[in-house]
Amino acid sequence: MQTIDHVDFQKIDVRIGTIVHAEVFDKARKPAYKLQVDLGELGVKKSSAQITDLYKVEELIGKQVICICNFPPRQIANFMSEVLVTGFDDGQGRIALATVDIPVPNGGKLH
């Protein structure tokens, strides 16, 4: 594994946000949802997430998720994804969202 120093780590803008809207992304090549995530001072940002195996749309509203906020926007079909919602493979190829176990203010940075 390649190592990085603290300066490299500080370049990654990792923040917490709350999903405020979710819908099926029917134009995506792989099953996905379109999400809107409230990131506090950064505003509400859009993300495409391939998390349909473990989550239903209605379960996502209000869930806090960990996002990478300083990747360049990415066009996915007819949708511009502005942040990367993070998660982990559950060992069966399904993505489990990276989240917190205690609610924290939207937009908070990872320490």
C-alpha atoms as a PDB file:
ATOM      1  CA  MET A   1       0.000   0.000   0.000  1.00  0.00           C
ATOM      2  CA  GLN A   2       1.258   3.459  -0.876  1.00  0.00           C
ATOM      3  CA  THR A   3       1.592   5.804   2.092  1.00  0.00           C
ATOM      4  CA  ILE A   4       0.710   9.492   2.140  1.00  0.00           C
ATOM      5  CA  ASP A   5       1.723  12.235   4.515  1.00  0.00           C
ATOM      6  CA  HIS A   6      -0.518  14.504   6.571  1.00  0.00           C
ATOM      7  CA  VAL A   7      -0.352  17.267   3.938  1.00  0.00           C
ATOM      8  CA  ASP A   8      -1.776  14.858   1.326  1.00  0.00           C
ATOM      9  CA  PHE A   9      -4.574  13.810   3.679  1.00  0.00           C
ATOM     10  CA  GLN A  10      -5.503  17.445   4.349  1.00  0.00           C
ATOM     11  CA  LYS A  11      -6.095  17.956   0.614  1.00  0.00           C
ATOM     12  CA  ILE A  12      -9.130  15.636   0.761  1.00  0.00           C
ATOM     13  CA  ASP A  13     -12.274  17.481   1.854  1.00  0.00           C
ATOM     14  CA  VAL A  14     -14.232  14.810   3.762  1.00  0.00           C
ATOM     15  CA  ARG A  15     -17.498  16.046   5.287  1.00  0.00           C
ATOM     16  CA  ILE A  16     -20.724  14.780   6.768  1.00  0.00           C
ATOM     17  CA  GLY A  17     -24.079  15.561   5.210  1.00  0.00           C
ATOM     18  CA  THR A  18     -27.704  14.518   5.474  1.00  0.00           C
ATOM     19  CA  ILE A  19     -29.588  13.015   2.542  1.00  0.00           C
ATOM     20  CA  VAL A  20     -32.598  15.278   1.964  1.00  0.00           C
ATOM     21  CA  HIS A  21     -33.844  13.782  -1.307  1.00  0.00           C
ATOM     22  CA  ALA A  22     -33.424  10.445  -3.079  1.00  0.00           C
ATOM     23  CA  GLU A  23     -34.892   9.022  -6.263  1.00  0.00           C
ATOM     24  CA  VAL A  24     -34.245   6.166  -8.660  1.00  0.00           C
ATOM     25  CA  PHE A  25     -31.715   7.097 -11.354  1.00  0.00           C
ATOM     26  CA  ASP A  26     -33.330   5.322 -14.287  1.00  0.00           C
ATOM     27  CA  LYS A  27     -30.808   6.585 -16.888  1.00  0.00           C
ATOM     28  CA  ALA A  28     -27.750   5.168 -15.078  1.00  0.00           C
ATOM     29  CA  ARG A  29     -26.099   2.127 -16.700  1.00  0.00           C
ATOM     30  CA  LYS A  30     -25.910   0.331 -13.330  1.00  0.00           C
ATOM     31  CA  PRO A  31     -28.727   0.574 -10.764  1.00  0.00           C
ATOM     32  CA  ALA A  32     -28.290   3.799  -8.807  1.00  0.00           C
ATOM     33  CA  TYR A  33     -30.044   6.581  -6.950  1.00  0.00           C
ATOM     34  CA  LYS A  34     -29.842  10.333  -7.435  1.00  0.00           C
ATOM     35  CA  LEU A  35     -29.213  11.886  -4.034  1.00  0.00           C
ATOM     36  CA  GLN A  36     -29.279  15.417  -2.698  1.00  0.00           C
ATOM     37  CA  VAL A  37     -27.093  15.846   0.361  1.00  0.00           C
ATOM     38  CA  ASP A  38     -27.233  18.837   2.725  1.00  0.00           C
ATOM     39  CA  LEU A  39     -23.603  19.684   3.489  1.00  0.00           C
ATOM     40  CA  GLY A  40     -24.218  22.678   5.723  1.00  0.00           C
ATOM     41  CA  GLU A  41     -22.203  25.715   4.633  1.00  0.00           C
ATOM     42  CA  LEU A  42     -21.457  24.037   1.264  1.00  0.00           C
ATOM     43  CA  GLY A  43     -25.174  23.841   0.493  1.00  0.00           C
ATOM     44  CA  VAL A  44     -27.124  20.940  -0.979  1.00  0.00           C
ATOM     45  CA  LYS A  45     -25.039  18.895  -3.414  1.00  0.00           C
ATOM     46  CA  LYS A  46     -26.037  16.140  -5.853  1.00  0.00           C
ATOM     47  CA  SER A  47     -24.570  12.657  -6.010  1.00  0.00           C
ATOM     48  CA  SER A  48     -25.195   9.458  -7.936  1.00  0.00           C
ATOM     49  CA  ALA A  49     -24.843   6.391  -5.728  1.00  0.00           C
ATOM     50  CA  GLN A  50     -24.912   2.698  -6.601  1.00  0.00           C
ATOM     51  CA  ILE A  51     -26.471   1.629  -3.298  1.00  0.00           C
ATOM     52  CA  THR A  52     -29.737   0.089  -4.512  1.00  0.00           C
ATOM     53  CA  ASP A  53     -28.886  -3.406  -3.240  1.00  0.00           C
ATOM     54  CA  LEU A  54     -28.986  -2.462   0.448  1.00  0.00           C
ATOM     55  CA  TYR A  55     -31.178   0.658   0.588  1.00  0.00           C
ATOM     56  CA  LYS A  56     -34.663   1.703  -0.461  1.00  0.00           C
ATOM     57  CA  VAL A  57     -35.254   5.343  -1.433  1.00  0.00           C
ATOM     58  CA  GLU A  58     -37.477   6.020   1.566  1.00  0.00           C
ATOM     59  CA  GLU A  59     -34.826   4.683   3.992  1.00  0.00           C
ATOM     60  CA  LEU A  60     -32.243   7.185   2.789  1.00  0.00           C
ATOM     61  CA  ILE A  61     -33.995  10.435   3.718  1.00  0.00           C
ATOM     62  CA  GLY A  62     -32.463  11.800   6.921  1.00  0.00           C
ATOM     63  CA  LYS A  63     -29.440   9.452   6.861  1.00  0.00           C
ATOM     64  CA  GLN A  64     -26.105  11.137   7.472  1.00  0.00           C
ATOM     65  CA  VAL A  65     -23.355  10.106   5.062  1.00  0.00           C
ATOM     66  CA  ILE A  66     -19.649  10.783   4.691  1.00  0.00           C
ATOM     67  CA  CYS A  67     -18.798  12.570   1.439  1.00  0.00           C
ATOM     68  CA  ILE A  68     -15.708  13.573  -0.504  1.00  0.00           C
ATOM     69  CA  CYS A  69     -16.468  17.153  -1.500  1.00  0.00           C
ATOM     70  CA  ASN A  70     -13.516  18.297  -3.588  1.00  0.00           C
ATOM     71  CA  PHE A  71     -13.498  15.874  -6.508  1.00  0.00           C
ATOM     72  CA  PRO A  72     -14.424  17.609  -9.756  1.00  0.00           C
ATOM     73  CA  PRO A  73     -18.099  17.222 -10.752  1.00  0.00           C
ATOM     74  CA  ARG A  74     -18.752  14.136 -12.867  1.00  0.00           C
ATOM     75  CA  GLN A  75     -21.354  13.767 -15.620  1.00  0.00           C
ATOM     76  CA  ILE A  76     -23.270  10.497 -15.296  1.00  0.00           C
ATOM     77  CA  ALA A  77     -25.842  10.134 -18.096  1.00  0.00           C
ATOM     78  CA  ASN A  78     -27.967  13.312 -17.829  1.00  0.00           C
ATOM     79  CA  PHE A  79     -26.948  14.038 -14.212  1.00  0.00           C
ATOM     80  CA  MET A  80     -24.034  16.012 -12.771  1.00  0.00           C
ATOM     81  CA  SER A  81     -22.704  14.342  -9.621  1.00  0.00           C
ATOM     82  CA  GLU A  82     -21.047  16.970  -7.396  1.00  0.00           C
ATOM     83  CA  VAL A  83     -19.825  14.924  -4.411  1.00  0.00           C
ATOM     84  CA  LEU A  84     -18.850  11.316  -3.769  1.00  0.00           C
ATOM     85  CA  VAL A  85     -20.960   9.573  -1.146  1.00  0.00           C
ATOM     86  CA  THR A  86     -18.679   6.967   0.433  1.00  0.00           C
ATOM     87  CA  GLY A  87     -19.298   3.386   1.468  1.00  0.00           C
ATOM     88  CA  PHE A  88     -17.762  -0.032   1.948  1.00  0.00           C
ATOM     89  CA  ASP A  89     -18.207  -3.326   0.129  1.00  0.00           C
ATOM     90  CA  ASP A  90     -20.116  -5.727   2.377  1.00  0.00           C
ATOM     91  CA  GLY A  91     -18.163  -8.719   1.064  1.00  0.00           C
ATOM     92  CA  GLN A  92     -20.859  -9.562  -1.476  1.00  0.00           C
ATOM     93  CA  GLY A  93     -20.331  -6.608  -3.814  1.00  0.00           C
ATOM     94  CA  ARG A  94     -23.031  -4.446  -2.209  1.00  0.00           C
ATOM     95  CA  ILE A  95     -22.141  -1.005  -0.889  1.00  0.00           C
ATOM     96  CA  ALA A  96     -22.909  -0.114   2.732  1.00  0.00           C
ATOM     97  CA  LEU A  97     -22.875   3.641   3.301  1.00  0.00           C
ATOM     98  CA  ALA A  98     -20.152   5.201   5.454  1.00  0.00           C
ATOM     99  CA  THR A  99     -21.957   7.088   8.197  1.00  0.00           C
ATOM    100  CA  VAL A 100     -21.717   8.171  11.840  1.00  0.00           C
ATOM    101  CA  ASP A 101     -23.305   6.559  14.883  1.00  0.00           C
ATOM    102  CA  ILE A 102     -24.109   9.885  16.573  1.00  0.00           C
ATOM    103  CA  PRO A 103     -25.736  12.797  14.656  1.00  0.00           C
ATOM    104  CA  VAL A 104     -23.329  15.665  13.968  1.00  0.00           C
ATOM    105  CA  PRO A 105     -23.822  19.056  12.275  1.00  0.00           C
ATOM    106  CA  ASN A 106     -24.002  18.955   8.465  1.00  0.00           C
ATOM    107  CA  GLY A 107     -20.828  20.120   6.770  1.00  0.00           C
ATOM    108  CA  GLY A 108     -18.549  18.989   9.599  1.00  0.00           C
ATOM    109  CA  LYS A 109     -15.071  17.962   8.457  1.00  0.00           C
ATOM    110  CA  LEU A 110     -13.412  14.630   9.165  1.00  0.00           C
ATOM    111  CA  HIS A 111     -10.650  14.850  11.790  1.00  0.00           C
END
